[in-house]
Amino acid sequence: MNAPPEPLLSIGQFARQVGLSVSALRFYAQTGLLLPAHVDPDSGYRYYSASQVAAGQQIAALRQLEVPLDDLAEVMGAGKVHAASLLARHEQRLYDRFQVQRQLLRRVGDLIDGHRALPEVVVDYATWPAQHVLSLPNSASAAGFDGMYTSAVARLRALVPVGEVAGQDFGLYHAGEYLGGPLQVEVCLPVAGPQSVPAPIRLLHLPVTPVASTIHTGDWTTYNLTFAALHAAVGAAGHSMHGSFTRGHRAGMELGLLLG
């Protein structure tokens, strides 16, 4: 006699049980880290099995420790000895990051001691047109971000025929502002139209999107202050926000928020 089929959980139910957001689960499915047990062919709804809860909770715990995506996948598939080695490496990374954060804290302390407000920002409101982009999900610490980003853009550009690049590359952050730690980021390259791409690269169609941005002229260690000032200015103007982006600019780095 066959065993009864394992009950399935909706993506919302599964997210609540494991402590991950629905958007994070979609991201991990796109990267192949945690695939749904079943996807309804008609509705596209995703379902997970009860046997996947332990793996989901482990991923959630590792992400709370800000383990980078590449290491996260390796830890999940590694034996105990190798997993311990990877976690020890991440412990050193956290210590290094702590040293950077201590410097940032001192800068904030200087602002408080000097009774200075957040930096003034000039906010530019614009509307991005609907566009096709090639997207490569990735993760990196702040210190290693430039190298990762440059490599990802080169990988995307190698797939696009001459003349088919339709705009400047940019990074999308669905979880909030770029604050200097390991982040889930989508490196995006606008293209002229649909085309076939190999996994894990995706072709996305982004709808018309209102944005607010400002130009940051310092280094990455003060991105958080500029993003905080931008967030405050945009919020005071009555706008809601659902993500952020970074994009190179001749005068520095464009830091922006997706509105709506």
C-alpha atoms as a PDB file:
ATOM      1  CA  MET A   1       0.000   0.000   0.000  1.00  0.00           C
ATOM      2  CA  ASN A   2       1.396   3.364  -1.007  1.00  0.00           C
ATOM      3  CA  ALA A   3       2.039   5.953   1.710  1.00  0.00           C
ATOM      4  CA  PRO A   4      -0.279   8.992   1.590  1.00  0.00           C
ATOM      5  CA  PRO A   5       1.227  12.019  -0.170  1.00  0.00           C
ATOM      6  CA  GLU A   6       3.046  14.482   2.049  1.00  0.00           C
ATOM      7  CA  PRO A   7       0.882  17.556   2.776  1.00  0.00           C
ATOM      8  CA  LEU A   8       2.022  20.753   1.087  1.00  0.00           C
ATOM      9  CA  LEU A   9       2.302  24.227   2.559  1.00  0.00           C
ATOM     10  CA  SER A  10       1.580  27.407   0.649  1.00  0.00           C
ATOM     11  CA  ILE A  11       4.536  29.741   0.277  1.00  0.00           C
ATOM     12  CA  GLY A  12       3.000  32.034   2.919  1.00  0.00           C
ATOM     13  CA  GLN A  13       2.508  29.195   5.410  1.00  0.00           C
ATOM     14  CA  PHE A  14       6.034  27.932   4.780  1.00  0.00           C
ATOM     15  CA  ALA A  15       7.502  31.428   5.157  1.00  0.00           C
ATOM     16  CA  ARG A  16       5.879  31.822   8.585  1.00  0.00           C
ATOM     17  CA  GLN A  17       7.112  28.417   9.771  1.00  0.00           C
ATOM     18  CA  VAL A  18      10.743  28.902   8.753  1.00  0.00           C
ATOM     19  CA  GLY A  19      11.110  32.609   9.493  1.00  0.00           C
ATOM     20  CA  LEU A  20      11.821  33.828   5.956  1.00  0.00           C
ATOM     21  CA  SER A  21       9.886  36.353   3.897  1.00  0.00           C
ATOM     22  CA  VAL A  22       7.989  35.316   0.778  1.00  0.00           C
ATOM     23  CA  SER A  23      10.310  37.470  -1.347  1.00  0.00           C
ATOM     24  CA  ALA A  24      13.347  35.741   0.191  1.00  0.00           C
ATOM     25  CA  LEU A  25      11.878  32.321  -0.631  1.00  0.00           C
ATOM     26  CA  ARG A  26      11.328  33.407  -4.223  1.00  0.00           C
ATOM     27  CA  PHE A  27      14.930  34.621  -4.357  1.00  0.00           C
ATOM     28  CA  TYR A  28      16.261  31.309  -3.009  1.00  0.00           C
ATOM     29  CA  ALA A  29      14.140  29.428  -5.538  1.00  0.00           C
ATOM     30  CA  GLN A  30      15.581  31.548  -8.361  1.00  0.00           C
ATOM     31  CA  THR A  31      19.121  30.779  -7.218  1.00  0.00           C
ATOM     32  CA  GLY A  32      18.373  27.062  -6.796  1.00  0.00           C
ATOM     33  CA  LEU A  33      19.107  27.060  -3.057  1.00  0.00           C
ATOM     34  CA  LEU A  34      15.612  26.069  -1.904  1.00  0.00           C
ATOM     35  CA  LEU A  35      13.221  24.966  -4.638  1.00  0.00           C
ATOM     36  CA  PRO A  36       9.474  24.552  -4.051  1.00  0.00           C
ATOM     37  CA  ALA A  37       8.241  20.980  -3.799  1.00  0.00           C
ATOM     38  CA  HIS A  38       5.507  21.817  -6.306  1.00  0.00           C
ATOM     39  CA  VAL A  39       4.573  24.704  -8.595  1.00  0.00           C
ATOM     40  CA  ASP A  40       1.002  24.789  -9.851  1.00  0.00           C
ATOM     41  CA  PRO A  41       1.270  24.791 -13.672  1.00  0.00           C
ATOM     42  CA  ASP A  42      -1.852  26.928 -14.081  1.00  0.00           C
ATOM     43  CA  SER A  43      -1.585  29.522 -11.300  1.00  0.00           C
ATOM     44  CA  GLY A  44       2.176  29.479 -10.748  1.00  0.00           C
ATOM     45  CA  TYR A  45       1.576  29.206  -6.984  1.00  0.00           C
ATOM     46  CA  ARG A  46       4.485  27.645  -5.104  1.00  0.00           C
ATOM     47  CA  TYR A  47       4.137  24.963  -2.455  1.00  0.00           C
ATOM     48  CA  TYR A  48       6.630  23.477  -0.015  1.00  0.00           C
ATOM     49  CA  SER A  49       6.638  20.182   1.868  1.00  0.00           C
ATOM     50  CA  ALA A  50       6.834  19.764   5.635  1.00  0.00           C
ATOM     51  CA  SER A  51      10.153  17.934   5.176  1.00  0.00           C
ATOM     52  CA  GLN A  52      11.680  21.184   3.830  1.00  0.00           C
ATOM     53  CA  VAL A  53      10.973  23.141   7.035  1.00  0.00           C
ATOM     54  CA  ALA A  54      14.276  22.154   8.697  1.00  0.00           C
ATOM     55  CA  ALA A  55      16.285  23.299   5.665  1.00  0.00           C
ATOM     56  CA  GLY A  56      14.321  26.548   5.528  1.00  0.00           C
ATOM     57  CA  GLN A  57      14.953  27.231   9.219  1.00  0.00           C
ATOM     58  CA  GLN A  58      18.677  26.536   8.752  1.00  0.00           C
ATOM     59  CA  ILE A  59      18.830  28.985   5.849  1.00  0.00           C
ATOM     60  CA  ALA A  60      16.996  31.586   7.935  1.00  0.00           C
ATOM     61  CA  ALA A  61      19.472  31.156  10.803  1.00  0.00           C
ATOM     62  CA  LEU A  62      22.473  31.415   8.479  1.00  0.00           C
ATOM     63  CA  ARG A  63      21.045  34.528   6.845  1.00  0.00           C
ATOM     64  CA  GLN A  64      20.558  36.109  10.286  1.00  0.00           C
ATOM     65  CA  LEU A  65      24.311  35.608  10.625  1.00  0.00           C
ATOM     66  CA  GLU A  66      24.639  37.264   7.184  1.00  0.00           C
ATOM     67  CA  VAL A  67      26.404  34.312   5.592  1.00  0.00           C
ATOM     68  CA  PRO A  68      26.944  35.254   1.907  1.00  0.00           C
ATOM     69  CA  LEU A  69      24.825  33.461  -0.674  1.00  0.00           C
ATOM     70  CA  ASP A  70      27.714  31.486  -2.204  1.00  0.00           C
ATOM     71  CA  ASP A  71      28.834  30.231   1.221  1.00  0.00           C
ATOM     72  CA  LEU A  72      25.226  29.580   2.211  1.00  0.00           C
ATOM     73  CA  ALA A  73      24.749  27.139  -0.663  1.00  0.00           C
ATOM     74  CA  GLU A  74      28.059  25.470   0.152  1.00  0.00           C
ATOM     75  CA  VAL A  75      27.282  25.132   3.863  1.00  0.00           C
ATOM     76  CA  MET A  76      23.890  23.585   3.126  1.00  0.00           C
ATOM     77  CA  GLY A  77      25.503  20.874   0.975  1.00  0.00           C
ATOM     78  CA  ALA A  78      28.693  20.334   3.003  1.00  0.00           C
ATOM     79  CA  GLY A  79      29.674  17.733   5.554  1.00  0.00           C
ATOM     80  CA  LYS A  80      30.213  18.742   9.180  1.00  0.00           C
ATOM     81  CA  VAL A  81      33.967  19.354   8.915  1.00  0.00           C
ATOM     82  CA  HIS A  82      33.768  21.485   5.774  1.00  0.00           C
ATOM     83  CA  ALA A  83      30.710  23.355   7.072  1.00  0.00           C
ATOM     84  CA  ALA A  84      32.600  24.181  10.281  1.00  0.00           C
ATOM     85  CA  SER A  85      35.505  25.525   8.191  1.00  0.00           C
ATOM     86  CA  LEU A  86      33.160  27.735   6.183  1.00  0.00           C
ATOM     87  CA  LEU A  87      31.523  29.081   9.332  1.00  0.00           C
ATOM     88  CA  ALA A  88      34.924  29.810  10.869  1.00  0.00           C
ATOM     89  CA  ARG A  89      35.795  31.821   7.772  1.00  0.00           C
ATOM     90  CA  HIS A  90      32.545  33.733   8.151  1.00  0.00           C
ATOM     91  CA  GLU A  91      33.316  34.398  11.815  1.00  0.00           C
ATOM     92  CA  GLN A  92      36.490  36.182  10.716  1.00  0.00           C
ATOM     93  CA  ARG A  93      34.470  38.107   8.129  1.00  0.00           C
ATOM     94  CA  LEU A  94      32.068  39.243  10.851  1.00  0.00           C
ATOM     95  CA  TYR A  95      34.971  40.414  12.979  1.00  0.00           C
ATOM     96  CA  ASP A  96      36.411  42.380  10.070  1.00  0.00           C
ATOM     97  CA  ARG A  97      32.999  43.904   9.458  1.00  0.00           C
ATOM     98  CA  PHE A  98      32.734  44.814  13.132  1.00  0.00           C
ATOM     99  CA  GLN A  99      35.902  46.870  12.795  1.00  0.00           C
ATOM    100  CA  VAL A 100      34.351  48.765   9.872  1.00  0.00           C
ATOM    101  CA  GLN A 101      31.095  49.272  11.759  1.00  0.00           C
ATOM    102  CA  ARG A 102      32.985  50.620  14.758  1.00  0.00           C
ATOM    103  CA  GLN A 103      34.471  53.274  12.488  1.00  0.00           C
ATOM    104  CA  LEU A 104      30.978  54.091  11.213  1.00  0.00           C
ATOM    105  CA  LEU A 105      29.696  54.323  14.774  1.00  0.00           C
ATOM    106  CA  ARG A 106      32.438  56.762  15.606  1.00  0.00           C
ATOM    107  CA  ARG A 107      31.410  58.875  12.611  1.00  0.00           C
ATOM    108  CA  VAL A 108      27.803  58.878  13.808  1.00  0.00           C
ATOM    109  CA  GLY A 109      29.053  59.769  17.287  1.00  0.00           C
ATOM    110  CA  ASP A 110      30.889  62.697  15.780  1.00  0.00           C
ATOM    111  CA  LEU A 111      27.637  63.830  14.166  1.00  0.00           C
ATOM    112  CA  ILE A 112      25.831  63.622  17.485  1.00  0.00           C
ATOM    113  CA  ASP A 113      28.599  65.320  19.451  1.00  0.00           C
ATOM    114  CA  GLY A 114      28.698  68.108  16.901  1.00  0.00           C
ATOM    115  CA  HIS A 115      24.893  68.383  16.912  1.00  0.00           C
ATOM    116  CA  ARG A 116      24.919  67.844  13.171  1.00  0.00           C
ATOM    117  CA  ALA A 117      21.961  66.462  11.251  1.00  0.00           C
ATOM    118  CA  LEU A 118      22.083  63.863   8.500  1.00  0.00           C
ATOM    119  CA  PRO A 119      23.767  65.099   5.324  1.00  0.00           C
ATOM    120  CA  GLU A 120      21.654  67.293   3.097  1.00  0.00           C
ATOM    121  CA  VAL A 121      20.605  65.571  -0.102  1.00  0.00           C
ATOM    122  CA  VAL A 122      19.206  66.862  -3.369  1.00  0.00           C
ATOM    123  CA  VAL A 123      16.417  64.456  -4.309  1.00  0.00           C
ATOM    124  CA  ASP A 124      15.712  63.814  -7.980  1.00  0.00           C
ATOM    125  CA  TYR A 125      12.324  62.272  -8.777  1.00  0.00           C
ATOM    126  CA  ALA A 126      12.026  60.374 -12.049  1.00  0.00           C
ATOM    127  CA  THR A 127      10.085  57.559 -13.698  1.00  0.00           C
ATOM    128  CA  TRP A 128      11.857  54.570 -15.143  1.00  0.00           C
ATOM    129  CA  PRO A 129      10.155  53.324 -18.311  1.00  0.00           C
ATOM    130  CA  ALA A 130       9.145  49.687 -18.638  1.00  0.00           C
ATOM    131  CA  GLN A 131      12.263  47.748 -19.557  1.00  0.00           C
ATOM    132  CA  HIS A 132      13.741  44.320 -20.131  1.00  0.00           C
ATOM    133  CA  VAL A 133      16.808  43.553 -18.021  1.00  0.00           C
ATOM    134  CA  LEU A 134      19.145  40.614 -17.624  1.00  0.00           C
ATOM    135  CA  SER A 135      19.426  39.875 -13.917  1.00  0.00           C
ATOM    136  CA  LEU A 136      22.070  37.928 -12.010  1.00  0.00           C
ATOM    137  CA  PRO A 137      21.182  37.356  -8.316  1.00  0.00           C
ATOM    138  CA  ASN A 138      24.226  37.532  -6.088  1.00  0.00           C
ATOM    139  CA  SER A 139      25.480  38.263  -2.600  1.00  0.00           C
ATOM    140  CA  ALA A 140      28.621  39.975  -1.327  1.00  0.00           C
ATOM    141  CA  SER A 141      30.080  41.783   1.638  1.00  0.00           C
ATOM    142  CA  ALA A 142      30.633  45.504   1.285  1.00  0.00           C
ATOM    143  CA  ALA A 143      34.394  45.101   1.013  1.00  0.00           C
ATOM    144  CA  GLY A 144      34.082  42.575  -1.825  1.00  0.00           C
ATOM    145  CA  PHE A 145      31.133  44.187  -3.551  1.00  0.00           C
ATOM    146  CA  ASP A 146      32.992  46.058  -6.305  1.00  0.00           C
ATOM    147  CA  GLY A 147      34.785  42.949  -7.519  1.00  0.00           C
ATOM    148  CA  MET A 148      31.607  40.866  -7.475  1.00  0.00           C
ATOM    149  CA  TYR A 149      29.602  43.565  -9.258  1.00  0.00           C
ATOM    150  CA  THR A 150      32.207  44.137 -11.992  1.00  0.00           C
ATOM    151  CA  SER A 151      32.432  40.393 -12.635  1.00  0.00           C
ATOM    152  CA  ALA A 152      28.641  40.034 -12.775  1.00  0.00           C
ATOM    153  CA  VAL A 153      28.251  42.912 -15.259  1.00  0.00           C
ATOM    154  CA  ALA A 154      30.964  41.437 -17.494  1.00  0.00           C
ATOM    155  CA  ARG A 155      29.156  38.098 -17.395  1.00  0.00           C
ATOM    156  CA  LEU A 156      25.878  39.739 -18.427  1.00  0.00           C
ATOM    157  CA  ARG A 157      27.440  41.843 -21.181  1.00  0.00           C
ATOM    158  CA  ALA A 158      29.077  38.748 -22.677  1.00  0.00           C
ATOM    159  CA  LEU A 159      25.588  37.363 -23.373  1.00  0.00           C
ATOM    160  CA  VAL A 160      24.243  40.448 -25.160  1.00  0.00           C
ATOM    161  CA  PRO A 161      24.821  40.986 -28.898  1.00  0.00           C
ATOM    162  CA  VAL A 162      26.534  44.189 -29.977  1.00  0.00           C
ATOM    163  CA  GLY A 163      24.067  47.072 -29.949  1.00  0.00           C
ATOM    164  CA  GLU A 164      21.503  45.271 -27.775  1.00  0.00           C
ATOM    165  CA  VAL A 165      22.505  46.833 -24.447  1.00  0.00           C
ATOM    166  CA  ALA A 166      19.727  49.355 -23.759  1.00  0.00           C
ATOM    167  CA  GLY A 167      20.998  51.257 -20.735  1.00  0.00           C
ATOM    168  CA  GLN A 168      23.355  51.444 -17.786  1.00  0.00           C
ATOM    169  CA  ASP A 169      23.759  48.534 -15.388  1.00  0.00           C
ATOM    170  CA  PHE A 170      22.428  48.903 -11.838  1.00  0.00           C
ATOM    171  CA  GLY A 171      22.014  46.940  -8.607  1.00  0.00           C
ATOM    172  CA  LEU A 172      18.584  46.208  -7.116  1.00  0.00           C
ATOM    173  CA  TYR A 173      18.149  45.569  -3.389  1.00  0.00           C
ATOM    174  CA  HIS A 174      14.755  44.148  -2.509  1.00  0.00           C
ATOM    175  CA  ALA A 175      15.385  44.011   1.237  1.00  0.00           C
ATOM    176  CA  GLY A 176      16.085  47.716   1.710  1.00  0.00           C
ATOM    177  CA  GLU A 177      18.939  50.170   1.465  1.00  0.00           C
ATOM    178  CA  TYR A 178      22.544  49.280   0.892  1.00  0.00           C
ATOM    179  CA  LEU A 179      23.928  49.490   4.422  1.00  0.00           C
ATOM    180  CA  GLY A 180      27.396  48.000   3.992  1.00  0.00           C
ATOM    181  CA  GLY A 181      26.906  44.314   4.885  1.00  0.00           C
ATOM    182  CA  PRO A 182      26.413  41.127   2.886  1.00  0.00           C
ATOM    183  CA  LEU A 183      23.295  41.696   0.794  1.00  0.00           C
ATOM    184  CA  GLN A 184      21.063  39.942  -1.629  1.00  0.00           C
ATOM    185  CA  VAL A 185      21.416  41.967  -4.800  1.00  0.00           C
ATOM    186  CA  GLU A 186      20.277  41.599  -8.366  1.00  0.00           C
ATOM    187  CA  VAL A 187      22.871  42.926 -10.795  1.00  0.00           C
ATOM    188  CA  CYS A 188      20.817  44.186 -13.745  1.00  0.00           C
ATOM    189  CA  LEU A 189      21.656  45.121 -17.327  1.00  0.00           C
ATOM    190  CA  PRO A 190      18.931  46.695 -19.535  1.00  0.00           C
ATOM    191  CA  VAL A 191      18.573  45.027 -22.946  1.00  0.00           C
ATOM    192  CA  ALA A 192      16.647  45.889 -26.092  1.00  0.00           C
ATOM    193  CA  GLY A 193      14.274  42.928 -25.961  1.00  0.00           C
ATOM    194  CA  PRO A 194      13.637  39.347 -24.823  1.00  0.00           C
ATOM    195  CA  GLN A 195      16.365  36.766 -25.304  1.00  0.00           C
ATOM    196  CA  SER A 196      17.289  33.314 -24.029  1.00  0.00           C
ATOM    197  CA  VAL A 197      19.757  33.227 -21.140  1.00  0.00           C
ATOM    198  CA  PRO A 198      21.320  30.408 -19.094  1.00  0.00           C
ATOM    199  CA  ALA A 199      20.498  29.918 -15.402  1.00  0.00           C
ATOM    200  CA  PRO A 200      21.008  31.484 -12.903  1.00  0.00           C
ATOM    201  CA  ILE A 201      20.723  34.577 -15.112  1.00  0.00           C
ATOM    202  CA  ARG A 202      17.128  35.673 -15.638  1.00  0.00           C
ATOM    203  CA  LEU A 203      15.311  37.895 -18.104  1.00  0.00           C
ATOM    204  CA  LEU A 204      13.020  40.287 -16.216  1.00  0.00           C
ATOM    205  CA  HIS A 205      10.404  42.711 -17.493  1.00  0.00           C
ATOM    206  CA  LEU A 206      10.345  45.637 -15.089  1.00  0.00           C
ATOM    207  CA  PRO A 207       7.180  47.758 -15.199  1.00  0.00           C
ATOM    208  CA  VAL A 208       7.089  51.549 -15.246  1.00  0.00           C
ATOM    209  CA  THR A 209       8.578  52.516 -11.869  1.00  0.00           C
ATOM    210  CA  PRO A 210       8.762  55.897 -10.106  1.00  0.00           C
ATOM    211  CA  VAL A 211      12.068  56.426  -8.311  1.00  0.00           C
ATOM    212  CA  ALA A 212      13.784  58.974  -6.088  1.00  0.00           C
ATOM    213  CA  SER A 213      17.545  59.272  -6.021  1.00  0.00           C
ATOM    214  CA  THR A 214      20.497  61.379  -4.967  1.00  0.00           C
ATOM    215  CA  ILE A 215      24.195  61.455  -5.832  1.00  0.00           C
ATOM    216  CA  HIS A 216      26.594  60.214  -3.171  1.00  0.00           C
ATOM    217  CA  THR A 217      30.140  61.552  -3.480  1.00  0.00           C
ATOM    218  CA  GLY A 218      31.836  59.694  -0.603  1.00  0.00           C
ATOM    219  CA  ASP A 219      32.915  56.062  -0.373  1.00  0.00           C
ATOM    220  CA  TRP A 220      30.731  53.070   0.530  1.00  0.00           C
ATOM    221  CA  THR A 221      31.315  53.480   4.286  1.00  0.00           C
ATOM    222  CA  THR A 222      28.950  56.472   4.334  1.00  0.00           C
ATOM    223  CA  TYR A 223      26.276  55.065   1.995  1.00  0.00           C
ATOM    224  CA  ASN A 224      24.138  54.366   5.066  1.00  0.00           C
ATOM    225  CA  LEU A 225      24.059  58.045   6.079  1.00  0.00           C
ATOM    226  CA  THR A 226      23.115  59.198   2.582  1.00  0.00           C
ATOM    227  CA  PHE A 227      20.459  56.491   2.257  1.00  0.00           C
ATOM    228  CA  ALA A 228      19.044  57.466   5.665  1.00  0.00           C
ATOM    229  CA  ALA A 229      18.852  61.122   4.586  1.00  0.00           C
ATOM    230  CA  LEU A 230      17.226  60.146   1.280  1.00  0.00           C
ATOM    231  CA  HIS A 231      14.741  57.869   3.052  1.00  0.00           C
ATOM    232  CA  ALA A 232      13.799  60.656   5.474  1.00  0.00           C
ATOM    233  CA  ALA A 233      13.327  63.218   2.697  1.00  0.00           C
ATOM    234  CA  VAL A 234      11.228  60.916   0.538  1.00  0.00           C
ATOM    235  CA  GLY A 235       9.131  59.762   3.504  1.00  0.00           C
ATOM    236  CA  ALA A 236       8.517  63.376   4.545  1.00  0.00           C
ATOM    237  CA  ALA A 237       7.232  64.036   1.020  1.00  0.00           C
ATOM    238  CA  GLY A 238       4.584  61.339   1.547  1.00  0.00           C
ATOM    239  CA  HIS A 239       6.021  58.570  -0.625  1.00  0.00           C
ATOM    240  CA  SER A 240       6.129  54.865   0.215  1.00  0.00           C
ATOM    241  CA  MET A 241       9.172  52.774  -0.736  1.00  0.00           C
ATOM    242  CA  HIS A 242       9.638  49.106  -1.595  1.00  0.00           C
ATOM    243  CA  GLY A 243      13.307  48.650  -2.453  1.00  0.00           C
ATOM    244  CA  SER A 244      16.435  50.486  -3.463  1.00  0.00           C
ATOM    245  CA  PHE A 245      19.098  50.649  -6.150  1.00  0.00           C
ATOM    246  CA  THR A 246      22.631  51.805  -6.823  1.00  0.00           C
ATOM    247  CA  ARG A 247      23.925  52.991 -10.181  1.00  0.00           C
ATOM    248  CA  GLY A 248      27.215  54.495 -11.263  1.00  0.00           C
ATOM    249  CA  HIS A 249      27.295  58.227 -11.965  1.00  0.00           C
ATOM    250  CA  ARG A 250      29.997  60.504 -13.347  1.00  0.00           C
ATOM    251  CA  ALA A 251      29.915  62.525 -10.104  1.00  0.00           C
ATOM    252  CA  GLY A 252      29.915  59.559  -7.728  1.00  0.00           C
ATOM    253  CA  MET A 253      27.259  56.921  -7.065  1.00  0.00           C
ATOM    254  CA  GLU A 254      23.527  57.305  -7.587  1.00  0.00           C
ATOM    255  CA  LEU A 255      21.636  55.936  -4.580  1.00  0.00           C
ATOM    256  CA  GLY A 256      17.925  55.515  -5.118  1.00  0.00           C
ATOM    257  CA  LEU A 257      14.610  54.251  -3.790  1.00  0.00           C
ATOM    258  CA  LEU A 258      11.815  52.510  -5.709  1.00  0.00           C
ATOM    259  CA  LEU A 259       8.539  54.285  -4.938  1.00  0.00           C
ATOM    260  CA  GLY A 260       4.951  53.146  -4.802  1.00  0.00           C
END
